[in-house]
């Protein structure tokens, strides 16, 4: 694996943490915006890239994985074997063009800062009236998923919880009358997970009870029916 391949892989991993996307379906030479990634995702990705590589990459609407990799590589200091940069390859420096790039970067930086500030303000406002910010962030992430991806993640979560024996404990606590908050605190899961597992168990119990009741209704109740009132006897005659 080349140094560039490693950088691209790290960028892809950063994207996966922000928005779960099949790496095989992620095009490296097409704009990220539109590949199930929105403008807020780009802001988060820019922060992640800066944290990982120490490079402040401008996340425009047209930025691609290749663009980010180019920016990271360009920001890295030259190796000892490289020597001085070949200035002939950089081309002539035009003041007007350079100024245009700088001004575009400054505008995008201002927009990014404004959007990030607006997002923080909304979370702060919600927290001020009693909402849990961590749960809200989780809801925002969940709403980014389509129905199939959400169902897949919930199914996988259930598998892991079953493997750890946590589902039985959650169901037992719910049956004992504990609230979702109490269950979440005791089992180390989110309130939404505790509530979902409890509701699923209750629905299964209700379904089983309805099935038993239906079976009882159709079964012979054991009452002695006089022959002249028994339709079955009349039909046989």
C-alpha atoms as a PDB file:
ATOM      1  CA  UNK A   1       0.000   0.000   0.000  1.00  0.00           C
ATOM      2  CA  UNK A   2       1.382   3.390  -0.980  1.00  0.00           C
ATOM      3  CA  UNK A   3       1.380   6.421   1.288  1.00  0.00           C
ATOM      4  CA  UNK A   4      -1.488   7.899  -0.719  1.00  0.00           C
ATOM      5  CA  UNK A   5      -3.524   4.693  -0.437  1.00  0.00           C
ATOM      6  CA  UNK A   6      -3.052   4.785   3.325  1.00  0.00           C
ATOM      7  CA  UNK A   7      -4.240   8.393   3.483  1.00  0.00           C
ATOM      8  CA  UNK A   8      -7.289   7.584   1.342  1.00  0.00           C
ATOM      9  CA  UNK A   9      -8.084   4.630   3.618  1.00  0.00           C
ATOM     10  CA  UNK A  10      -7.916   6.844   6.700  1.00  0.00           C
ATOM     11  CA  UNK A  11     -10.171   9.413   5.038  1.00  0.00           C
ATOM     12  CA  UNK A  12     -12.661   6.664   4.174  1.00  0.00           C
ATOM     13  CA  UNK A  13     -12.585   5.434   7.775  1.00  0.00           C
ATOM     14  CA  UNK A  14     -13.325   8.961   8.981  1.00  0.00           C
ATOM     15  CA  UNK A  15     -16.309   9.129   6.633  1.00  0.00           C
ATOM     16  CA  UNK A  16     -17.577   5.793   7.953  1.00  0.00           C
ATOM     17  CA  UNK A  17     -17.599   7.129  11.505  1.00  0.00           C
ATOM     18  CA  UNK A  18     -19.730  10.079  10.438  1.00  0.00           C
ATOM     19  CA  UNK A  19     -22.040   8.303   7.995  1.00  0.00           C
ATOM     20  CA  UNK A  20     -22.008   4.501   7.566  1.00  0.00           C
ATOM     21  CA  UNK A  21     -21.514   3.973   3.832  1.00  0.00           C
ATOM     22  CA  UNK A  22     -20.384   0.867   1.993  1.00  0.00           C
ATOM     23  CA  UNK A  23     -16.756   1.660   1.048  1.00  0.00           C
ATOM     24  CA  UNK A  24     -17.246  -0.118  -2.268  1.00  0.00           C
ATOM     25  CA  UNK A  25     -20.099   2.250  -3.112  1.00  0.00           C
ATOM     26  CA  UNK A  26     -18.147   5.380  -2.198  1.00  0.00           C
ATOM     27  CA  UNK A  27     -16.714   7.078  -5.283  1.00  0.00           C
ATOM     28  CA  UNK A  28     -13.396   8.772  -4.578  1.00  0.00           C
ATOM     29  CA  UNK A  29     -13.459  11.080  -7.595  1.00  0.00           C
ATOM     30  CA  UNK A  30     -17.043  12.334  -7.265  1.00  0.00           C
ATOM     31  CA  UNK A  31     -18.290  15.029  -4.862  1.00  0.00           C
ATOM     32  CA  UNK A  32     -19.031  13.632  -1.411  1.00  0.00           C
ATOM     33  CA  UNK A  33     -22.096  15.838  -1.182  1.00  0.00           C
ATOM     34  CA  UNK A  34     -24.828  13.728  -2.723  1.00  0.00           C
ATOM     35  CA  UNK A  35     -23.308  10.369  -1.857  1.00  0.00           C
ATOM     36  CA  UNK A  36     -25.658  10.207   1.133  1.00  0.00           C
ATOM     37  CA  UNK A  37     -23.518  12.907   2.771  1.00  0.00           C
ATOM     38  CA  UNK A  38     -24.957  16.318   3.623  1.00  0.00           C
ATOM     39  CA  UNK A  39     -23.394  19.680   4.401  1.00  0.00           C
ATOM     40  CA  UNK A  40     -23.310  19.047   8.151  1.00  0.00           C
ATOM     41  CA  UNK A  41     -21.496  15.761   7.499  1.00  0.00           C
ATOM     42  CA  UNK A  42     -18.890  17.711   5.517  1.00  0.00           C
ATOM     43  CA  UNK A  43     -18.336  20.010   8.489  1.00  0.00           C
ATOM     44  CA  UNK A  44     -17.844  17.026  10.789  1.00  0.00           C
ATOM     45  CA  UNK A  45     -15.515  15.429   8.245  1.00  0.00           C
ATOM     46  CA  UNK A  46     -13.448  18.595   7.996  1.00  0.00           C
ATOM     47  CA  UNK A  47     -13.001  18.600  11.758  1.00  0.00           C
ATOM     48  CA  UNK A  48     -12.065  14.907  11.731  1.00  0.00           C
ATOM     49  CA  UNK A  49      -9.487  15.457   8.965  1.00  0.00           C
ATOM     50  CA  UNK A  50      -7.981  18.389  10.841  1.00  0.00           C
ATOM     51  CA  UNK A  51      -7.792  16.269  13.999  1.00  0.00           C
ATOM     52  CA  UNK A  52      -6.178  13.301  12.238  1.00  0.00           C
ATOM     53  CA  UNK A  53      -3.792  15.012   9.839  1.00  0.00           C
ATOM     54  CA  UNK A  54      -3.477  18.511  11.230  1.00  0.00           C
ATOM     55  CA  UNK A  55      -4.702  19.888   7.913  1.00  0.00           C
ATOM     56  CA  UNK A  56      -7.554  22.366   7.543  1.00  0.00           C
ATOM     57  CA  UNK A  57      -9.240  21.241   4.324  1.00  0.00           C
ATOM     58  CA  UNK A  58     -11.904  23.447   2.747  1.00  0.00           C
ATOM     59  CA  UNK A  59     -15.029  21.286   2.537  1.00  0.00           C
ATOM     60  CA  UNK A  60     -16.805  22.788  -0.441  1.00  0.00           C
ATOM     61  CA  UNK A  61     -19.900  21.274  -2.033  1.00  0.00           C
ATOM     62  CA  UNK A  62     -17.694  19.743  -4.734  1.00  0.00           C
ATOM     63  CA  UNK A  63     -14.947  18.271  -2.562  1.00  0.00           C
ATOM     64  CA  UNK A  64     -14.004  14.641  -3.246  1.00  0.00           C
ATOM     65  CA  UNK A  65     -11.974  12.029  -1.385  1.00  0.00           C
ATOM     66  CA  UNK A  66      -9.185  12.584  -3.908  1.00  0.00           C
ATOM     67  CA  UNK A  67      -9.276  16.337  -3.240  1.00  0.00           C
ATOM     68  CA  UNK A  68      -8.921  15.740   0.490  1.00  0.00           C
ATOM     69  CA  UNK A  69      -6.056  13.298  -0.076  1.00  0.00           C
ATOM     70  CA  UNK A  70      -4.322  15.854  -2.320  1.00  0.00           C
ATOM     71  CA  UNK A  71      -4.668  18.526   0.363  1.00  0.00           C
ATOM     72  CA  UNK A  72      -3.291  16.221   3.050  1.00  0.00           C
ATOM     73  CA  UNK A  73      -0.323  15.193   0.900  1.00  0.00           C
ATOM     74  CA  UNK A  74       0.401  18.782  -0.117  1.00  0.00           C
ATOM     75  CA  UNK A  75       0.450  19.853   3.530  1.00  0.00           C
ATOM     76  CA  UNK A  76       2.974  17.208   4.518  1.00  0.00           C
ATOM     77  CA  UNK A  77       6.607  18.326   4.734  1.00  0.00           C
ATOM     78  CA  UNK A  78       8.837  17.021   1.923  1.00  0.00           C
ATOM     79  CA  UNK A  79      10.968  13.979   2.693  1.00  0.00           C
ATOM     80  CA  UNK A  80      14.735  14.242   2.964  1.00  0.00           C
ATOM     81  CA  UNK A  81      15.119  12.576  -0.417  1.00  0.00           C
ATOM     82  CA  UNK A  82      12.905  15.050  -2.157  1.00  0.00           C
ATOM     83  CA  UNK A  83      15.095  18.107  -1.774  1.00  0.00           C
ATOM     84  CA  UNK A  84      13.761  21.525  -2.626  1.00  0.00           C
ATOM     85  CA  UNK A  85      10.399  21.824  -4.270  1.00  0.00           C
ATOM     86  CA  UNK A  86      10.552  22.202  -8.012  1.00  0.00           C
ATOM     87  CA  UNK A  87       9.119  25.690  -8.379  1.00  0.00           C
ATOM     88  CA  UNK A  88       8.717  25.187 -12.117  1.00  0.00           C
ATOM     89  CA  UNK A  89       5.912  22.691 -11.415  1.00  0.00           C
ATOM     90  CA  UNK A  90       3.877  25.192  -9.421  1.00  0.00           C
ATOM     91  CA  UNK A  91       3.382  27.449 -12.401  1.00  0.00           C
ATOM     92  CA  UNK A  92       3.372  31.238 -12.409  1.00  0.00           C
ATOM     93  CA  UNK A  93       1.860  33.006  -9.413  1.00  0.00           C
ATOM     94  CA  UNK A  94      -0.853  35.449 -10.424  1.00  0.00           C
ATOM     95  CA  UNK A  95      -1.862  37.904  -7.733  1.00  0.00           C
ATOM     96  CA  UNK A  96      -5.488  38.171  -8.845  1.00  0.00           C
ATOM     97  CA  UNK A  97      -5.957  34.401  -9.024  1.00  0.00           C
ATOM     98  CA  UNK A  98      -4.284  33.873  -5.656  1.00  0.00           C
ATOM     99  CA  UNK A  99      -6.482  36.568  -4.122  1.00  0.00           C
ATOM    100  CA  UNK A 100      -9.550  34.853  -5.582  1.00  0.00           C
ATOM    101  CA  UNK A 101      -8.605  31.528  -3.969  1.00  0.00           C
ATOM    102  CA  UNK A 102      -7.880  33.172  -0.626  1.00  0.00           C
ATOM    103  CA  UNK A 103     -11.175  35.064  -0.600  1.00  0.00           C
ATOM    104  CA  UNK A 104     -13.135  31.919  -1.502  1.00  0.00           C
ATOM    105  CA  UNK A 105     -11.415  30.028   1.308  1.00  0.00           C
ATOM    106  CA  UNK A 106     -12.155  32.840   3.759  1.00  0.00           C
ATOM    107  CA  UNK A 107     -15.840  32.905   2.797  1.00  0.00           C
ATOM    108  CA  UNK A 108     -16.139  29.135   3.181  1.00  0.00           C
ATOM    109  CA  UNK A 109     -14.370  29.282   6.528  1.00  0.00           C
ATOM    110  CA  UNK A 110     -16.828  31.944   7.696  1.00  0.00           C
ATOM    111  CA  UNK A 111     -19.792  29.894   6.471  1.00  0.00           C
ATOM    112  CA  UNK A 112     -18.497  26.772   8.168  1.00  0.00           C
ATOM    113  CA  UNK A 113     -17.934  28.627  11.425  1.00  0.00           C
ATOM    114  CA  UNK A 114     -21.406  30.192  11.208  1.00  0.00           C
ATOM    115  CA  UNK A 115     -23.099  26.826  10.554  1.00  0.00           C
ATOM    116  CA  UNK A 116     -21.174  25.130  13.345  1.00  0.00           C
ATOM    117  CA  UNK A 117     -22.122  27.949  15.683  1.00  0.00           C
ATOM    118  CA  UNK A 118     -25.782  27.713  14.675  1.00  0.00           C
ATOM    119  CA  UNK A 119     -25.804  23.955  15.347  1.00  0.00           C
ATOM    120  CA  UNK A 120     -24.251  24.465  18.782  1.00  0.00           C
ATOM    121  CA  UNK A 121     -26.793  27.205  19.551  1.00  0.00           C
ATOM    122  CA  UNK A 122     -29.713  24.911  18.692  1.00  0.00           C
ATOM    123  CA  UNK A 123     -28.358  22.156  20.927  1.00  0.00           C
ATOM    124  CA  UNK A 124     -27.767  24.655  23.734  1.00  0.00           C
ATOM    125  CA  UNK A 125     -31.316  25.986  23.373  1.00  0.00           C
ATOM    126  CA  UNK A 126     -32.738  22.466  23.482  1.00  0.00           C
ATOM    127  CA  UNK A 127     -30.631  21.635  26.547  1.00  0.00           C
ATOM    128  CA  UNK A 128     -31.890  24.785  28.237  1.00  0.00           C
ATOM    129  CA  UNK A 129     -35.488  23.574  28.089  1.00  0.00           C
ATOM    130  CA  UNK A 130     -34.663  20.095  29.373  1.00  0.00           C
ATOM    131  CA  UNK A 131     -33.775  17.961  26.346  1.00  0.00           C
ATOM    132  CA  UNK A 132     -30.823  15.560  26.469  1.00  0.00           C
ATOM    133  CA  UNK A 133     -28.258  16.679  23.894  1.00  0.00           C
ATOM    134  CA  UNK A 134     -26.538  13.288  23.608  1.00  0.00           C
ATOM    135  CA  UNK A 135     -29.845  11.623  22.794  1.00  0.00           C
ATOM    136  CA  UNK A 136     -30.663  14.339  20.280  1.00  0.00           C
ATOM    137  CA  UNK A 137     -27.338  13.795  18.505  1.00  0.00           C
ATOM    138  CA  UNK A 138     -28.118  10.081  18.376  1.00  0.00           C
ATOM    139  CA  UNK A 139     -31.552  10.821  16.892  1.00  0.00           C
ATOM    140  CA  UNK A 140     -29.959  13.044  14.229  1.00  0.00           C
ATOM    141  CA  UNK A 141     -27.593  10.213  13.291  1.00  0.00           C
ATOM    142  CA  UNK A 142     -30.448   7.690  13.158  1.00  0.00           C
ATOM    143  CA  UNK A 143     -32.577   9.957  10.963  1.00  0.00           C
ATOM    144  CA  UNK A 144     -29.738  10.075   8.429  1.00  0.00           C
ATOM    145  CA  UNK A 145     -30.174   6.329   7.875  1.00  0.00           C
ATOM    146  CA  UNK A 146     -32.804   4.922   5.572  1.00  0.00           C
ATOM    147  CA  UNK A 147     -35.307   2.338   6.836  1.00  0.00           C
ATOM    148  CA  UNK A 148     -33.269  -0.666   5.684  1.00  0.00           C
ATOM    149  CA  UNK A 149     -30.046   0.540   7.308  1.00  0.00           C
ATOM    150  CA  UNK A 150     -31.862   1.407  10.523  1.00  0.00           C
ATOM    151  CA  UNK A 151     -33.467  -2.034  10.670  1.00  0.00           C
ATOM    152  CA  UNK A 152     -30.114  -3.685   9.974  1.00  0.00           C
ATOM    153  CA  UNK A 153     -28.407  -1.781  12.795  1.00  0.00           C
ATOM    154  CA  UNK A 154     -31.217  -2.570  15.247  1.00  0.00           C
ATOM    155  CA  UNK A 155     -31.118  -6.255  14.304  1.00  0.00           C
ATOM    156  CA  UNK A 156     -27.345  -6.351  14.755  1.00  0.00           C
ATOM    157  CA  UNK A 157     -27.668  -4.588  18.099  1.00  0.00           C
ATOM    158  CA  UNK A 158     -30.210  -7.190  19.234  1.00  0.00           C
ATOM    159  CA  UNK A 159     -27.822  -9.980  18.210  1.00  0.00           C
ATOM    160  CA  UNK A 160     -25.027  -8.461  20.285  1.00  0.00           C
ATOM    161  CA  UNK A 161     -27.315  -7.864  23.265  1.00  0.00           C
ATOM    162  CA  UNK A 162     -28.555 -11.459  23.102  1.00  0.00           C
ATOM    163  CA  UNK A 163     -24.977 -12.725  22.921  1.00  0.00           C
ATOM    164  CA  UNK A 164     -24.152 -10.796  26.099  1.00  0.00           C
ATOM    165  CA  UNK A 165     -27.308 -11.989  27.856  1.00  0.00           C
ATOM    166  CA  UNK A 166     -28.518  -8.428  28.216  1.00  0.00           C
ATOM    167  CA  UNK A 167     -31.876  -8.878  26.466  1.00  0.00           C
ATOM    168  CA  UNK A 168     -33.128 -11.366  29.059  1.00  0.00           C
ATOM    169  CA  UNK A 169     -32.071  -9.051  31.864  1.00  0.00           C
ATOM    170  CA  UNK A 170     -33.744  -6.054  30.222  1.00  0.00           C
ATOM    171  CA  UNK A 171     -36.952  -8.026  29.710  1.00  0.00           C
ATOM    172  CA  UNK A 172     -36.870  -9.258  33.309  1.00  0.00           C
ATOM    173  CA  UNK A 173     -36.410  -5.722  34.628  1.00  0.00           C
ATOM    174  CA  UNK A 174     -39.223  -4.442  32.404  1.00  0.00           C
ATOM    175  CA  UNK A 175     -41.514  -7.228  33.649  1.00  0.00           C
ATOM    176  CA  UNK A 176     -40.647  -6.216  37.219  1.00  0.00           C
ATOM    177  CA  UNK A 177     -41.934  -2.725  36.467  1.00  0.00           C
ATOM    178  CA  UNK A 178     -38.653  -0.819  36.109  1.00  0.00           C
ATOM    179  CA  UNK A 179     -38.684   2.239  33.878  1.00  0.00           C
ATOM    180  CA  UNK A 180     -36.602   2.584  30.727  1.00  0.00           C
ATOM    181  CA  UNK A 181     -34.363   5.099  32.532  1.00  0.00           C
ATOM    182  CA  UNK A 182     -33.714   2.671  35.391  1.00  0.00           C
ATOM    183  CA  UNK A 183     -33.024  -0.201  32.985  1.00  0.00           C
ATOM    184  CA  UNK A 184     -30.686   1.914  30.882  1.00  0.00           C
ATOM    185  CA  UNK A 185     -28.705   2.997  33.931  1.00  0.00           C
ATOM    186  CA  UNK A 186     -28.460  -0.543  35.332  1.00  0.00           C
ATOM    187  CA  UNK A 187     -27.548  -2.276  32.048  1.00  0.00           C
ATOM    188  CA  UNK A 188     -25.397   0.429  30.490  1.00  0.00           C
ATOM    189  CA  UNK A 189     -27.555   0.881  27.385  1.00  0.00           C
ATOM    190  CA  UNK A 190     -29.406   3.864  25.981  1.00  0.00           C
ATOM    191  CA  UNK A 191     -32.945   4.614  27.094  1.00  0.00           C
ATOM    192  CA  UNK A 192     -34.176   4.106  23.540  1.00  0.00           C
ATOM    193  CA  UNK A 193     -32.633   0.619  23.431  1.00  0.00           C
ATOM    194  CA  UNK A 194     -34.115  -0.307  26.808  1.00  0.00           C
ATOM    195  CA  UNK A 195     -37.520   0.968  25.730  1.00  0.00           C
ATOM    196  CA  UNK A 196     -37.380  -0.804  22.347  1.00  0.00           C
ATOM    197  CA  UNK A 197     -36.386  -4.180  23.837  1.00  0.00           C
ATOM    198  CA  UNK A 198     -39.058  -3.863  26.530  1.00  0.00           C
ATOM    199  CA  UNK A 199     -41.749  -2.969  24.002  1.00  0.00           C
ATOM    200  CA  UNK A 200     -40.701  -5.826  21.721  1.00  0.00           C
ATOM    201  CA  UNK A 201     -40.917  -8.319  24.587  1.00  0.00           C
ATOM    202  CA  UNK A 202     -44.331  -6.961  25.621  1.00  0.00           C
ATOM    203  CA  UNK A 203     -45.614  -7.238  22.045  1.00  0.00           C
ATOM    204  CA  UNK A 204     -44.437 -10.863  21.855  1.00  0.00           C
ATOM    205  CA  UNK A 205     -46.158 -11.649  25.165  1.00  0.00           C
ATOM    206  CA  UNK A 206     -49.398  -9.990  24.027  1.00  0.00           C
ATOM    207  CA  UNK A 207     -49.303 -11.942  20.775  1.00  0.00           C
ATOM    208  CA  UNK A 208     -48.786 -15.232  22.636  1.00  0.00           C
ATOM    209  CA  UNK A 209     -51.660 -14.477  25.001  1.00  0.00           C
ATOM    210  CA  UNK A 210     -53.953 -13.638  22.094  1.00  0.00           C
ATOM    211  CA  UNK A 211     -53.004 -16.910  20.403  1.00  0.00           C
ATOM    212  CA  UNK A 212     -53.811 -18.888  23.533  1.00  0.00           C
ATOM    213  CA  UNK A 213     -57.121 -17.094  23.946  1.00  0.00           C
ATOM    214  CA  UNK A 214     -58.028 -17.770  20.313  1.00  0.00           C
ATOM    215  CA  UNK A 215     -57.164 -21.448  20.712  1.00  0.00           C
ATOM    216  CA  UNK A 216     -59.325 -21.635  23.821  1.00  0.00           C
ATOM    217  CA  UNK A 217     -62.295 -20.119  22.039  1.00  0.00           C
ATOM    218  CA  UNK A 218     -62.208 -22.714  19.262  1.00  0.00           C
ATOM    219  CA  UNK A 219     -61.668 -25.697  21.548  1.00  0.00           C
ATOM    220  CA  UNK A 220     -64.520 -27.801  22.993  1.00  0.00           C
ATOM    221  CA  UNK A 221     -65.503 -26.219  26.286  1.00  0.00           C
ATOM    222  CA  UNK A 222     -66.574 -29.590  27.725  1.00  0.00           C
ATOM    223  CA  UNK A 223     -70.234 -28.673  28.356  1.00  0.00           C
ATOM    224  CA  UNK A 224     -72.861 -31.405  28.074  1.00  0.00           C
ATOM    225  CA  UNK A 225     -75.282 -30.436  25.289  1.00  0.00           C
ATOM    226  CA  UNK A 226     -78.621 -32.215  25.161  1.00  0.00           C
ATOM    227  CA  UNK A 227     -78.915 -34.376  22.015  1.00  0.00           C
ATOM    228  CA  UNK A 228     -81.973 -32.510  20.732  1.00  0.00           C
ATOM    229  CA  UNK A 229     -79.994 -29.220  20.875  1.00  0.00           C
ATOM    230  CA  UNK A 230     -76.715 -30.550  19.510  1.00  0.00           C
ATOM    231  CA  UNK A 231     -76.492 -29.519  15.836  1.00  0.00           C
ATOM    232  CA  UNK A 232     -73.717 -32.018  15.249  1.00  0.00           C
ATOM    233  CA  UNK A 233     -76.040 -34.889  16.158  1.00  0.00           C
ATOM    234  CA  UNK A 234     -78.770 -33.459  13.949  1.00  0.00           C
ATOM    235  CA  UNK A 235     -76.362 -33.166  11.035  1.00  0.00           C
ATOM    236  CA  UNK A 236     -75.225 -36.772  11.412  1.00  0.00           C
ATOM    237  CA  UNK A 237     -78.863 -37.950  11.458  1.00  0.00           C
END
